[in-house]
mmCIF file of all heavy atoms, coordinates in Angstrom:
data_MODEL
# 
_entry.id   MODEL 
# 
loop_
_atom_site.group_PDB 
_atom_site.id 
_atom_site.type_symbol 
_atom_site.label_atom_id 
_atom_site.label_alt_id 
_atom_site.label_comp_id 
_atom_site.label_asym_id 
_atom_site.label_entity_id 
_atom_site.label_seq_id 
_atom_site.pdbx_PDB_ins_code 
_atom_site.Cartn_x 
_atom_site.Cartn_y 
_atom_site.Cartn_z 
_atom_site.occupancy 
_atom_site.B_iso_or_equiv 
_atom_site.pdbx_formal_charge 
_atom_site.auth_seq_id 
_atom_site.auth_comp_id 
_atom_site.auth_asym_id 
_atom_site.auth_atom_id 
_atom_site.pdbx_PDB_model_num 
ATOM 1   N N   . ARG A 1 1  ? 0.837   -1.142 0.007   1.00 0.00 ? 1  ARG A N   1 
ATOM 2   C CA  . ARG A 1 1  ? 0.037   0.051  0.000   1.00 0.00 ? 1  ARG A CA  1 
ATOM 3   C C   . ARG A 1 1  ? 0.891   1.212  -0.022  1.00 0.00 ? 1  ARG A C   1 
ATOM 4   O O   . ARG A 1 1  ? 1.927   1.313  0.685   1.00 0.00 ? 1  ARG A O   1 
ATOM 5   C CB  . ARG A 1 1  ? -0.850  0.019  1.229   1.00 0.00 ? 1  ARG A CB  1 
ATOM 6   C CG  . ARG A 1 1  ? -1.904  -1.023 1.153   1.00 0.00 ? 1  ARG A CG  1 
ATOM 7   C CD  . ARG A 1 1  ? -3.041  -0.882 2.210   1.00 0.00 ? 1  ARG A CD  1 
ATOM 8   N NE  . ARG A 1 1  ? -3.940  -1.976 2.157   1.00 0.00 ? 1  ARG A NE  1 
ATOM 9   C CZ  . ARG A 1 1  ? -4.976  -2.131 1.305   1.00 0.00 ? 1  ARG A CZ  1 
ATOM 10  N NH1 . ARG A 1 1  ? -5.186  -1.195 0.411   1.00 0.00 ? 1  ARG A NH1 1 
ATOM 11  N NH2 . ARG A 1 1  ? -5.768  -3.122 1.372   1.00 0.00 ? 1  ARG A NH2 1 
ATOM 12  N N   . TYR A 1 2  ? 0.491   2.233  -0.759  1.00 0.00 ? 2  TYR A N   1 
ATOM 13  C CA  . TYR A 1 2  ? 1.232   3.469  -0.935  1.00 0.00 ? 2  TYR A CA  1 
ATOM 14  C C   . TYR A 1 2  ? 0.234   4.659  -0.828  1.00 0.00 ? 2  TYR A C   1 
ATOM 15  O O   . TYR A 1 2  ? -0.961  4.442  -1.033  1.00 0.00 ? 2  TYR A O   1 
ATOM 16  C CB  . TYR A 1 2  ? 1.887   3.569  -2.337  1.00 0.00 ? 2  TYR A CB  1 
ATOM 17  C CG  . TYR A 1 2  ? 2.977   2.584  -2.533  1.00 0.00 ? 2  TYR A CG  1 
ATOM 18  C CD1 . TYR A 1 2  ? 2.764   1.259  -2.840  1.00 0.00 ? 2  TYR A CD1 1 
ATOM 19  C CD2 . TYR A 1 2  ? 4.357   2.905  -2.279  1.00 0.00 ? 2  TYR A CD2 1 
ATOM 20  C CE1 . TYR A 1 2  ? 3.846   0.371  -3.068  1.00 0.00 ? 2  TYR A CE1 1 
ATOM 21  C CE2 . TYR A 1 2  ? 5.370   2.064  -2.435  1.00 0.00 ? 2  TYR A CE2 1 
ATOM 22  C CZ  . TYR A 1 2  ? 5.129   0.759  -2.882  1.00 0.00 ? 2  TYR A CZ  1 
ATOM 23  O OH  . TYR A 1 2  ? 6.126   -0.089 -3.073  1.00 0.00 ? 2  TYR A OH  1 
ATOM 24  N N   . GLU A 1 3  ? 0.794   5.760  -0.574  1.00 0.00 ? 3  GLU A N   1 
ATOM 25  C CA  . GLU A 1 3  ? 0.109   7.069  -0.784  1.00 0.00 ? 3  GLU A CA  1 
ATOM 26  C C   . GLU A 1 3  ? 0.788   7.743  -1.908  1.00 0.00 ? 3  GLU A C   1 
ATOM 27  O O   . GLU A 1 3  ? 2.073   7.869  -1.949  1.00 0.00 ? 3  GLU A O   1 
ATOM 28  C CB  . GLU A 1 3  ? 0.190   7.993  0.509   1.00 0.00 ? 3  GLU A CB  1 
ATOM 29  C CG  . GLU A 1 3  ? -0.705  7.758  1.621   1.00 0.00 ? 3  GLU A CG  1 
ATOM 30  C CD  . GLU A 1 3  ? -0.681  8.839  2.680   1.00 0.00 ? 3  GLU A CD  1 
ATOM 31  O OE1 . GLU A 1 3  ? 0.396   9.457  2.824   1.00 0.00 ? 3  GLU A OE1 1 
ATOM 32  O OE2 . GLU A 1 3  ? -1.669  8.998  3.355   1.00 0.00 ? 3  GLU A OE2 1 
ATOM 33  N N   . ILE A 1 4  ? -0.007  8.232  -2.878  1.00 0.00 ? 4  ILE A N   1 
ATOM 34  C CA  . ILE A 1 4  ? 0.653   8.863  -4.061  1.00 0.00 ? 4  ILE A CA  1 
ATOM 35  C C   . ILE A 1 4  ? -0.112  10.183 -4.246  1.00 0.00 ? 4  ILE A C   1 
ATOM 36  O O   . ILE A 1 4  ? -1.219  10.330 -3.986  1.00 0.00 ? 4  ILE A O   1 
ATOM 37  C CB  . ILE A 1 4  ? 0.617   7.943  -5.345  1.00 0.00 ? 4  ILE A CB  1 
ATOM 38  C CG1 . ILE A 1 4  ? -0.881  7.676  -5.733  1.00 0.00 ? 4  ILE A CG1 1 
ATOM 39  C CG2 . ILE A 1 4  ? 1.390   6.740  -5.179  1.00 0.00 ? 4  ILE A CG2 1 
ATOM 40  C CD1 . ILE A 1 4  ? -1.064  6.986  -7.069  1.00 0.00 ? 4  ILE A CD1 1 
ATOM 41  N N   . ARG A 1 5  ? 0.654   11.146 -4.830  1.00 0.00 ? 5  ARG A N   1 
ATOM 42  C CA  . ARG A 1 5  ? 0.102   12.461 -5.272  1.00 0.00 ? 5  ARG A CA  1 
ATOM 43  C C   . ARG A 1 5  ? 0.408   12.576 -6.753  1.00 0.00 ? 5  ARG A C   1 
ATOM 44  O O   . ARG A 1 5  ? 1.557   12.413 -7.214  1.00 0.00 ? 5  ARG A O   1 
ATOM 45  C CB  . ARG A 1 5  ? 0.741   13.585 -4.458  1.00 0.00 ? 5  ARG A CB  1 
ATOM 46  C CG  . ARG A 1 5  ? 0.295   14.944 -4.803  1.00 0.00 ? 5  ARG A CG  1 
ATOM 47  C CD  . ARG A 1 5  ? 1.036   16.048 -4.139  1.00 0.00 ? 5  ARG A CD  1 
ATOM 48  N NE  . ARG A 1 5  ? 1.260   15.838 -2.705  1.00 0.00 ? 5  ARG A NE  1 
ATOM 49  C CZ  . ARG A 1 5  ? 0.500   16.245 -1.745  1.00 0.00 ? 5  ARG A CZ  1 
ATOM 50  N NH1 . ARG A 1 5  ? -0.569  16.893 -1.925  1.00 0.00 ? 5  ARG A NH1 1 
ATOM 51  N NH2 . ARG A 1 5  ? 0.891   15.999 -0.417  1.00 0.00 ? 5  ARG A NH2 1 
ATOM 52  N N   . MET A 1 6  ? -0.704  12.988 -7.458  1.00 0.00 ? 6  MET A N   1 
ATOM 53  C CA  . MET A 1 6  ? -0.487  13.213 -8.856  1.00 0.00 ? 6  MET A CA  1 
ATOM 54  C C   . MET A 1 6  ? -0.739  14.759 -9.095  1.00 0.00 ? 6  MET A C   1 
ATOM 55  O O   . MET A 1 6  ? -1.867  15.218 -8.843  1.00 0.00 ? 6  MET A O   1 
ATOM 56  C CB  . MET A 1 6  ? -1.502  12.356 -9.711  1.00 0.00 ? 6  MET A CB  1 
ATOM 57  C CG  . MET A 1 6  ? -1.214  10.918 -9.644  1.00 0.00 ? 6  MET A CG  1 
ATOM 58  S SD  . MET A 1 6  ? -2.307  10.000 -10.649 1.00 0.00 ? 6  MET A SD  1 
ATOM 59  C CE  . MET A 1 6  ? -3.792  10.031 -9.686  1.00 0.00 ? 6  MET A CE  1 
ATOM 60  N N   . GLY A 1 7  ? 0.322   15.434 -9.468  1.00 0.00 ? 7  GLY A N   1 
ATOM 61  C CA  . GLY A 1 7  ? 0.096   16.892 -9.731  1.00 0.00 ? 7  GLY A CA  1 
ATOM 62  C C   . GLY A 1 7  ? -0.086  17.583 -8.369  1.00 0.00 ? 7  GLY A C   1 
ATOM 63  O O   . GLY A 1 7  ? 0.626   17.370 -7.430  1.00 0.00 ? 7  GLY A O   1 
ATOM 64  N N   . ASP A 1 8  ? -1.112  18.458 -8.371  1.00 0.00 ? 8  ASP A N   1 
ATOM 65  C CA  . ASP A 1 8  ? -1.405  19.227 -7.194  1.00 0.00 ? 8  ASP A CA  1 
ATOM 66  C C   . ASP A 1 8  ? -2.633  18.598 -6.416  1.00 0.00 ? 8  ASP A C   1 
ATOM 67  O O   . ASP A 1 8  ? -3.111  19.249 -5.482  1.00 0.00 ? 8  ASP A O   1 
ATOM 68  C CB  . ASP A 1 8  ? -1.817  20.643 -7.557  1.00 0.00 ? 8  ASP A CB  1 
ATOM 69  C CG  . ASP A 1 8  ? -0.606  21.393 -8.185  1.00 0.00 ? 8  ASP A CG  1 
ATOM 70  O OD1 . ASP A 1 8  ? 0.537   20.975 -7.817  1.00 0.00 ? 8  ASP A OD1 1 
ATOM 71  O OD2 . ASP A 1 8  ? -0.799  22.359 -8.958  1.00 0.00 ? 8  ASP A OD2 1 
ATOM 72  N N   . ARG A 1 9  ? -2.937  17.338 -6.702  1.00 0.00 ? 9  ARG A N   1 
ATOM 73  C CA  . ARG A 1 9  ? -4.117  16.752 -5.971  1.00 0.00 ? 9  ARG A CA  1 
ATOM 74  C C   . ARG A 1 9  ? -3.626  16.372 -4.575  1.00 0.00 ? 9  ARG A C   1 
ATOM 75  O O   . ARG A 1 9  ? -2.514  16.375 -4.250  1.00 0.00 ? 9  ARG A O   1 
ATOM 76  C CB  . ARG A 1 9  ? -4.531  15.523 -6.726  1.00 0.00 ? 9  ARG A CB  1 
ATOM 77  C CG  . ARG A 1 9  ? -5.095  15.696 -8.017  1.00 0.00 ? 9  ARG A CG  1 
ATOM 78  C CD  . ARG A 1 9  ? -5.395  14.310 -8.582  1.00 0.00 ? 9  ARG A CD  1 
ATOM 79  N NE  . ARG A 1 9  ? -6.281  14.335 -9.710  1.00 0.00 ? 9  ARG A NE  1 
ATOM 80  C CZ  . ARG A 1 9  ? -6.628  13.306 -10.436 1.00 0.00 ? 9  ARG A CZ  1 
ATOM 81  N NH1 . ARG A 1 9  ? -6.213  12.136 -10.083 1.00 0.00 ? 9  ARG A NH1 1 
ATOM 82  N NH2 . ARG A 1 9  ? -7.427  13.403 -11.473 1.00 0.00 ? 9  ARG A NH2 1 
ATOM 83  N N   . LYS A 1 10 ? -4.607  15.940 -3.784  1.00 0.00 ? 10 LYS A N   1 
ATOM 84  C CA  . LYS A 1 10 ? -4.304  15.451 -2.386  1.00 0.00 ? 10 LYS A CA  1 
ATOM 85  C C   . LYS A 1 10 ? -3.725  14.026 -2.509  1.00 0.00 ? 10 LYS A C   1 
ATOM 86  O O   . LYS A 1 10 ? -3.847  13.351 -3.560  1.00 0.00 ? 10 LYS A O   1 
ATOM 87  C CB  . LYS A 1 10 ? -5.593  15.471 -1.622  1.00 0.00 ? 10 LYS A CB  1 
ATOM 88  C CG  . LYS A 1 10 ? -6.647  14.486 -2.042  1.00 0.00 ? 10 LYS A CG  1 
ATOM 89  C CD  . LYS A 1 10 ? -7.888  14.544 -1.128  1.00 0.00 ? 10 LYS A CD  1 
ATOM 90  C CE  . LYS A 1 10 ? -8.924  13.547 -1.625  1.00 0.00 ? 10 LYS A CE  1 
ATOM 91  N NZ  . LYS A 1 10 ? -8.933  12.339 -0.837  1.00 0.00 ? 10 LYS A NZ  1 
ATOM 92  N N   . MET A 1 11 ? -3.055  13.630 -1.429  1.00 0.00 ? 11 MET A N   1 
ATOM 93  C CA  . MET A 1 11 ? -2.480  12.291 -1.404  1.00 0.00 ? 11 MET A CA  1 
ATOM 94  C C   . MET A 1 11 ? -3.697  11.235 -1.395  1.00 0.00 ? 11 MET A C   1 
ATOM 95  O O   . MET A 1 11 ? -4.606  11.385 -0.741  1.00 0.00 ? 11 MET A O   1 
ATOM 96  C CB  . MET A 1 11 ? -1.665  12.060 -0.122  1.00 0.00 ? 11 MET A CB  1 
ATOM 97  C CG  . MET A 1 11 ? -0.496  13.024 -0.034  1.00 0.00 ? 11 MET A CG  1 
ATOM 98  S SD  . MET A 1 11 ? 0.791   12.603 -1.286  1.00 0.00 ? 11 MET A SD  1 
ATOM 99  C CE  . MET A 1 11 ? 1.653   11.306 -0.447  1.00 0.00 ? 11 MET A CE  1 
ATOM 100 N N   . GLU A 1 12 ? -3.492  10.205 -2.164  1.00 0.00 ? 12 GLU A N   1 
ATOM 101 C CA  . GLU A 1 12 ? -4.518  9.132  -2.255  1.00 0.00 ? 12 GLU A CA  1 
ATOM 102 C C   . GLU A 1 12 ? -3.853  7.855  -1.892  1.00 0.00 ? 12 GLU A C   1 
ATOM 103 O O   . GLU A 1 12 ? -2.782  7.509  -2.286  1.00 0.00 ? 12 GLU A O   1 
ATOM 104 C CB  . GLU A 1 12 ? -5.058  9.110  -3.739  1.00 0.00 ? 12 GLU A CB  1 
ATOM 105 C CG  . GLU A 1 12 ? -5.771  10.415 -4.048  1.00 0.00 ? 12 GLU A CG  1 
ATOM 106 C CD  . GLU A 1 12 ? -6.362  10.418 -5.412  1.00 0.00 ? 12 GLU A CD  1 
ATOM 107 O OE1 . GLU A 1 12 ? -6.537  9.255  -5.956  1.00 0.00 ? 12 GLU A OE1 1 
ATOM 108 O OE2 . GLU A 1 12 ? -6.572  11.476 -5.951  1.00 0.00 ? 12 GLU A OE2 1 
ATOM 109 N N   . LYS A 1 13 ? -4.537  7.049  -1.098  1.00 0.00 ? 13 LYS A N   1 
ATOM 110 C CA  . LYS A 1 13 ? -4.095  5.741  -0.674  1.00 0.00 ? 13 LYS A CA  1 
ATOM 111 C C   . LYS A 1 13 ? -4.468  4.713  -1.713  1.00 0.00 ? 13 LYS A C   1 
ATOM 112 O O   . LYS A 1 13 ? -5.628  4.566  -2.081  1.00 0.00 ? 13 LYS A O   1 
ATOM 113 C CB  . LYS A 1 13 ? -4.639  5.353  0.710   1.00 0.00 ? 13 LYS A CB  1 
ATOM 114 C CG  . LYS A 1 13 ? -4.172  6.256  1.823   1.00 0.00 ? 13 LYS A CG  1 
ATOM 115 C CD  . LYS A 1 13 ? -4.787  5.951  3.117   1.00 0.00 ? 13 LYS A CD  1 
ATOM 116 C CE  . LYS A 1 13 ? -4.283  7.000  4.092   1.00 0.00 ? 13 LYS A CE  1 
ATOM 117 N NZ  . LYS A 1 13 ? -4.838  6.768  5.460   1.00 0.00 ? 13 LYS A NZ  1 
ATOM 118 N N   . VAL A 1 14 ? -3.495  3.962  -2.197  1.00 0.00 ? 14 VAL A N   1 
ATOM 119 C CA  . VAL A 1 14 ? -3.682  2.931  -3.251  1.00 0.00 ? 14 VAL A CA  1 
ATOM 120 C C   . VAL A 1 14 ? -2.969  1.690  -2.940  1.00 0.00 ? 14 VAL A C   1 
ATOM 121 O O   . VAL A 1 14 ? -2.036  1.590  -2.093  1.00 0.00 ? 14 VAL A O   1 
ATOM 122 C CB  . VAL A 1 14 ? -3.231  3.487  -4.595  1.00 0.00 ? 14 VAL A CB  1 
ATOM 123 C CG1 . VAL A 1 14 ? -4.039  4.706  -5.036  1.00 0.00 ? 14 VAL A CG1 1 
ATOM 124 C CG2 . VAL A 1 14 ? -1.780  3.747  -4.607  1.00 0.00 ? 14 VAL A CG2 1 
ATOM 125 N N   . LEU A 1 15 ? -3.358  0.549  -3.574  1.00 0.00 ? 15 LEU A N   1 
ATOM 126 C CA  . LEU A 1 15 ? -2.784  -0.756 -3.461  1.00 0.00 ? 15 LEU A CA  1 
ATOM 127 C C   . LEU A 1 15 ? -2.209  -1.057 -4.873  1.00 0.00 ? 15 LEU A C   1 
ATOM 128 O O   . LEU A 1 15 ? -2.891  -1.040 -5.810  1.00 0.00 ? 15 LEU A O   1 
ATOM 129 C CB  . LEU A 1 15 ? -3.779  -1.823 -3.044  1.00 0.00 ? 15 LEU A CB  1 
ATOM 130 C CG  . LEU A 1 15 ? -3.293  -3.268 -3.115  1.00 0.00 ? 15 LEU A CG  1 
ATOM 131 C CD1 . LEU A 1 15 ? -2.250  -3.488 -2.012  1.00 0.00 ? 15 LEU A CD1 1 
ATOM 132 C CD2 . LEU A 1 15 ? -4.514  -4.221 -2.942  1.00 0.00 ? 15 LEU A CD2 1 
ATOM 133 N N   . ILE A 1 16 ? -0.976  -1.363 -4.962  1.00 0.00 ? 16 ILE A N   1 
ATOM 134 C CA  . ILE A 1 16 ? -0.267  -1.622 -6.189  1.00 0.00 ? 16 ILE A CA  1 
ATOM 135 C C   . ILE A 1 16 ? -0.632  -3.035 -6.680  1.00 0.00 ? 16 ILE A C   1 
ATOM 136 O O   . ILE A 1 16 ? -0.420  -4.043 -5.915  1.00 0.00 ? 16 ILE A O   1 
ATOM 137 C CB  . ILE A 1 16 ? 1.278   -1.545 -6.087  1.00 0.00 ? 16 ILE A CB  1 
ATOM 138 C CG1 . ILE A 1 16 ? 1.704   -0.156 -5.594  1.00 0.00 ? 16 ILE A CG1 1 
ATOM 139 C CG2 . ILE A 1 16 ? 1.927   -1.931 -7.463  1.00 0.00 ? 16 ILE A CG2 1 
ATOM 140 C CD1 . ILE A 1 16 ? 1.429   0.997  -6.573  1.00 0.00 ? 16 ILE A CD1 1 
ATOM 141 N N   . VAL A 1 17 ? -1.127  -3.221 -7.917  1.00 0.00 ? 17 VAL A N   1 
ATOM 142 C CA  . VAL A 1 17 ? -1.503  -4.472 -8.448  1.00 0.00 ? 17 VAL A CA  1 
ATOM 143 C C   . VAL A 1 17 ? -0.514  -5.035 -9.494  1.00 0.00 ? 17 VAL A C   1 
ATOM 144 O O   . VAL A 1 17 ? -0.191  -6.184 -9.513  1.00 0.00 ? 17 VAL A O   1 
ATOM 145 C CB  . VAL A 1 17 ? -2.942  -4.396 -9.066  1.00 0.00 ? 17 VAL A CB  1 
ATOM 146 C CG1 . VAL A 1 17 ? -3.307  -5.735 -9.722  1.00 0.00 ? 17 VAL A CG1 1 
ATOM 147 C CG2 . VAL A 1 17 ? -4.008  -4.023 -8.061  1.00 0.00 ? 17 VAL A CG2 1 
ATOM 148 N N   . ALA A 1 18 ? 0.028   -4.047 -10.291 1.00 0.00 ? 18 ALA A N   1 
ATOM 149 C CA  . ALA A 1 18 ? 0.993   -4.446 -11.341 1.00 0.00 ? 18 ALA A CA  1 
ATOM 150 C C   . ALA A 1 18 ? 1.910   -3.180 -11.592 1.00 0.00 ? 18 ALA A C   1 
ATOM 151 O O   . ALA A 1 18 ? 1.421   -2.088 -11.455 1.00 0.00 ? 18 ALA A O   1 
ATOM 152 C CB  . ALA A 1 18 ? 0.183   -4.896 -12.539 1.00 0.00 ? 18 ALA A CB  1 
ATOM 153 N N   . VAL A 1 19 ? 3.099   -3.509 -11.985 1.00 0.00 ? 19 VAL A N   1 
ATOM 154 C CA  . VAL A 1 19 ? 4.090   -2.472 -12.227 1.00 0.00 ? 19 VAL A CA  1 
ATOM 155 C C   . VAL A 1 19 ? 4.735   -2.792 -13.631 1.00 0.00 ? 19 VAL A C   1 
ATOM 156 O O   . VAL A 1 19 ? 5.203   -3.863 -13.851 1.00 0.00 ? 19 VAL A O   1 
ATOM 157 C CB  . VAL A 1 19 ? 5.193   -2.412 -11.156 1.00 0.00 ? 19 VAL A CB  1 
ATOM 158 C CG1 . VAL A 1 19 ? 6.206   -1.359 -11.469 1.00 0.00 ? 19 VAL A CG1 1 
ATOM 159 C CG2 . VAL A 1 19 ? 4.564   -2.233 -9.770  1.00 0.00 ? 19 VAL A CG2 1 
ATOM 160 N N   . THR A 1 20 ? 4.770   -1.687 -14.430 1.00 0.00 ? 20 THR A N   1 
ATOM 161 C CA  . THR A 1 20 ? 5.546   -1.820 -15.705 1.00 0.00 ? 20 THR A CA  1 
ATOM 162 C C   . THR A 1 20 ? 6.642   -0.749 -15.695 1.00 0.00 ? 20 THR A C   1 
ATOM 163 O O   . THR A 1 20 ? 6.796   -0.034 -14.708 1.00 0.00 ? 20 THR A O   1 
ATOM 164 C CB  . THR A 1 20 ? 4.657   -1.722 -16.921 1.00 0.00 ? 20 THR A CB  1 
ATOM 165 O OG1 . THR A 1 20 ? 4.096   -0.323 -16.924 1.00 0.00 ? 20 THR A OG1 1 
ATOM 166 C CG2 . THR A 1 20 ? 3.535   -2.691 -16.917 1.00 0.00 ? 20 THR A CG2 1 
ATOM 167 N N   . ASP A 1 21 ? 7.387   -0.559 -16.795 1.00 0.00 ? 21 ASP A N   1 
ATOM 168 C CA  . ASP A 1 21 ? 8.436   0.477  -16.887 1.00 0.00 ? 21 ASP A CA  1 
ATOM 169 C C   . ASP A 1 21 ? 7.835   1.837  -16.754 1.00 0.00 ? 21 ASP A C   1 
ATOM 170 O O   . ASP A 1 21 ? 8.458   2.738  -16.129 1.00 0.00 ? 21 ASP A O   1 
ATOM 171 C CB  . ASP A 1 21 ? 9.146   0.368  -18.177 1.00 0.00 ? 21 ASP A CB  1 
ATOM 172 C CG  . ASP A 1 21 ? 9.939   -0.929 -18.237 1.00 0.00 ? 21 ASP A CG  1 
ATOM 173 O OD1 . ASP A 1 21 ? 10.309  -1.424 -17.174 1.00 0.00 ? 21 ASP A OD1 1 
ATOM 174 O OD2 . ASP A 1 21 ? 10.317  -1.292 -19.311 1.00 0.00 ? 21 ASP A OD2 1 
ATOM 175 N N   . SER A 1 22 ? 6.562   2.135  -17.333 1.00 0.00 ? 22 SER A N   1 
ATOM 176 C CA  . SER A 1 22 ? 6.067   3.444  -17.330 1.00 0.00 ? 22 SER A CA  1 
ATOM 177 C C   . SER A 1 22 ? 4.763   3.675  -16.652 1.00 0.00 ? 22 SER A C   1 
ATOM 178 O O   . SER A 1 22 ? 4.320   4.734  -16.468 1.00 0.00 ? 22 SER A O   1 
ATOM 179 C CB  . SER A 1 22 ? 5.908   3.933  -18.778 1.00 0.00 ? 22 SER A CB  1 
ATOM 180 O OG  . SER A 1 22 ? 4.966   3.046  -19.439 1.00 0.00 ? 22 SER A OG  1 
ATOM 181 N N   . THR A 1 23 ? 4.096   2.569  -16.171 1.00 0.00 ? 23 THR A N   1 
ATOM 182 C CA  . THR A 1 23 ? 2.790   2.668  -15.494 1.00 0.00 ? 23 THR A CA  1 
ATOM 183 C C   . THR A 1 23 ? 2.639   1.772  -14.217 1.00 0.00 ? 23 THR A C   1 
ATOM 184 O O   . THR A 1 23 ? 3.436   0.899  -14.011 1.00 0.00 ? 23 THR A O   1 
ATOM 185 C CB  . THR A 1 23 ? 1.705   2.185  -16.590 1.00 0.00 ? 23 THR A CB  1 
ATOM 186 O OG1 . THR A 1 23 ? 1.842   0.812  -16.788 1.00 0.00 ? 23 THR A OG1 1 
ATOM 187 C CG2 . THR A 1 23 ? 1.648   2.975  -17.771 1.00 0.00 ? 23 THR A CG2 1 
ATOM 188 N N   . LEU A 1 24 ? 1.737   2.134  -13.461 1.00 0.00 ? 24 LEU A N   1 
ATOM 189 C CA  . LEU A 1 24 ? 1.255   1.390  -12.289 1.00 0.00 ? 24 LEU A CA  1 
ATOM 190 C C   . LEU A 1 24 ? -0.101  1.086  -12.381 1.00 0.00 ? 24 LEU A C   1 
ATOM 191 O O   . LEU A 1 24 ? -0.984  1.923  -12.896 1.00 0.00 ? 24 LEU A O   1 
ATOM 192 C CB  . LEU A 1 24 ? 1.449   2.214  -10.985 1.00 0.00 ? 24 LEU A CB  1 
ATOM 193 C CG  . LEU A 1 24 ? 2.845   2.714  -10.632 1.00 0.00 ? 24 LEU A CG  1 
ATOM 194 C CD1 . LEU A 1 24 ? 2.686   3.657  -9.450  1.00 0.00 ? 24 LEU A CD1 1 
ATOM 195 C CD2 . LEU A 1 24 ? 3.668   1.513  -10.275 1.00 0.00 ? 24 LEU A CD2 1 
ATOM 196 N N   . VAL A 1 25 ? -0.490  -0.225 -12.132 1.00 0.00 ? 25 VAL A N   1 
ATOM 197 C CA  . VAL A 1 25 ? -1.905  -0.526 -12.066 1.00 0.00 ? 25 VAL A CA  1 
ATOM 198 C C   . VAL A 1 25 ? -2.240  -0.599 -10.497 1.00 0.00 ? 25 VAL A C   1 
ATOM 199 O O   . VAL A 1 25 ? -1.608  -1.358 -9.795  1.00 0.00 ? 25 VAL A O   1 
ATOM 200 C CB  . VAL A 1 25 ? -2.251  -1.862 -12.722 1.00 0.00 ? 25 VAL A CB  1 
ATOM 201 C CG1 . VAL A 1 25 ? -3.685  -2.222 -12.553 1.00 0.00 ? 25 VAL A CG1 1 
ATOM 202 C CG2 . VAL A 1 25 ? -1.833  -1.818 -14.136 1.00 0.00 ? 25 VAL A CG2 1 
ATOM 203 N N   . VAL A 1 26 ? -3.222  0.265  -10.069 1.00 0.00 ? 26 VAL A N   1 
ATOM 204 C CA  . VAL A 1 26 ? -3.545  0.422  -8.691  1.00 0.00 ? 26 VAL A CA  1 
ATOM 205 C C   . VAL A 1 26 ? -5.002  0.070  -8.434  1.00 0.00 ? 26 VAL A C   1 
ATOM 206 O O   . VAL A 1 26 ? -5.753  0.308  -9.325  1.00 0.00 ? 26 VAL A O   1 
ATOM 207 C CB  . VAL A 1 26 ? -3.068  1.751  -8.129  1.00 0.00 ? 26 VAL A CB  1 
ATOM 208 C CG1 . VAL A 1 26 ? -1.596  1.969  -8.346  1.00 0.00 ? 26 VAL A CG1 1 
ATOM 209 C CG2 . VAL A 1 26 ? -3.937  2.855  -8.794  1.00 0.00 ? 26 VAL A CG2 1 
ATOM 210 N N   . VAL A 1 27 ? -5.270  -0.142 -7.170  1.00 0.00 ? 27 VAL A N   1 
ATOM 211 C CA  . VAL A 1 27 ? -6.724  -0.328 -6.778  1.00 0.00 ? 27 VAL A CA  1 
ATOM 212 C C   . VAL A 1 27 ? -6.931  0.872  -5.756  1.00 0.00 ? 27 VAL A C   1 
ATOM 213 O O   . VAL A 1 27 ? -6.213  0.901  -4.744  1.00 0.00 ? 27 VAL A O   1 
ATOM 214 C CB  . VAL A 1 27 ? -7.052  -1.670 -6.179  1.00 0.00 ? 27 VAL A CB  1 
ATOM 215 C CG1 . VAL A 1 27 ? -8.430  -1.669 -5.607  1.00 0.00 ? 27 VAL A CG1 1 
ATOM 216 C CG2 . VAL A 1 27 ? -6.898  -2.742 -7.209  1.00 0.00 ? 27 VAL A CG2 1 
ATOM 217 N N   . GLN A 1 28 ? -7.970  1.633  -5.950  1.00 0.00 ? 28 GLN A N   1 
ATOM 218 C CA  . GLN A 1 28 ? -8.327  2.711  -4.979  1.00 0.00 ? 28 GLN A CA  1 
ATOM 219 C C   . GLN A 1 28 ? -9.868  2.712  -4.863  1.00 0.00 ? 28 GLN A C   1 
ATOM 220 O O   . GLN A 1 28 ? -10.544 2.797  -5.960  1.00 0.00 ? 28 GLN A O   1 
ATOM 221 C CB  . GLN A 1 28 ? -7.853  4.093  -5.548  1.00 0.00 ? 28 GLN A CB  1 
ATOM 222 C CG  . GLN A 1 28 ? -8.229  5.204  -4.650  1.00 0.00 ? 28 GLN A CG  1 
ATOM 223 C CD  . GLN A 1 28 ? -7.987  6.555  -5.185  1.00 0.00 ? 28 GLN A CD  1 
ATOM 224 O OE1 . GLN A 1 28 ? -7.813  6.663  -6.405  1.00 0.00 ? 28 GLN A OE1 1 
ATOM 225 N NE2 . GLN A 1 28 ? -8.092  7.581  -4.438  1.00 0.00 ? 28 GLN A NE2 1 
ATOM 226 N N   . ASP A 1 29 ? -10.316 2.531  -3.707  1.00 0.00 ? 29 ASP A N   1 
ATOM 227 C CA  . ASP A 1 29 ? -11.692 2.425  -3.478  1.00 0.00 ? 29 ASP A CA  1 
ATOM 228 C C   . ASP A 1 29 ? -12.462 1.424  -4.273  1.00 0.00 ? 29 ASP A C   1 
ATOM 229 O O   . ASP A 1 29 ? -13.457 1.753  -4.970  1.00 0.00 ? 29 ASP A O   1 
ATOM 230 C CB  . ASP A 1 29 ? -12.376 3.860  -3.687  1.00 0.00 ? 29 ASP A CB  1 
ATOM 231 C CG  . ASP A 1 29 ? -11.817 4.898  -2.708  1.00 0.00 ? 29 ASP A CG  1 
ATOM 232 O OD1 . ASP A 1 29 ? -11.508 4.551  -1.554  1.00 0.00 ? 29 ASP A OD1 1 
ATOM 233 O OD2 . ASP A 1 29 ? -11.783 6.031  -3.136  1.00 0.00 ? 29 ASP A OD2 1 
# 
């Protein structure tokens, strides 16, 4: 589980499902 921020948005809690070189597949809510 991670907290990530994209741009100026608030921190969001996510679960990492898959990782590639340029993308993350996450589950949020």
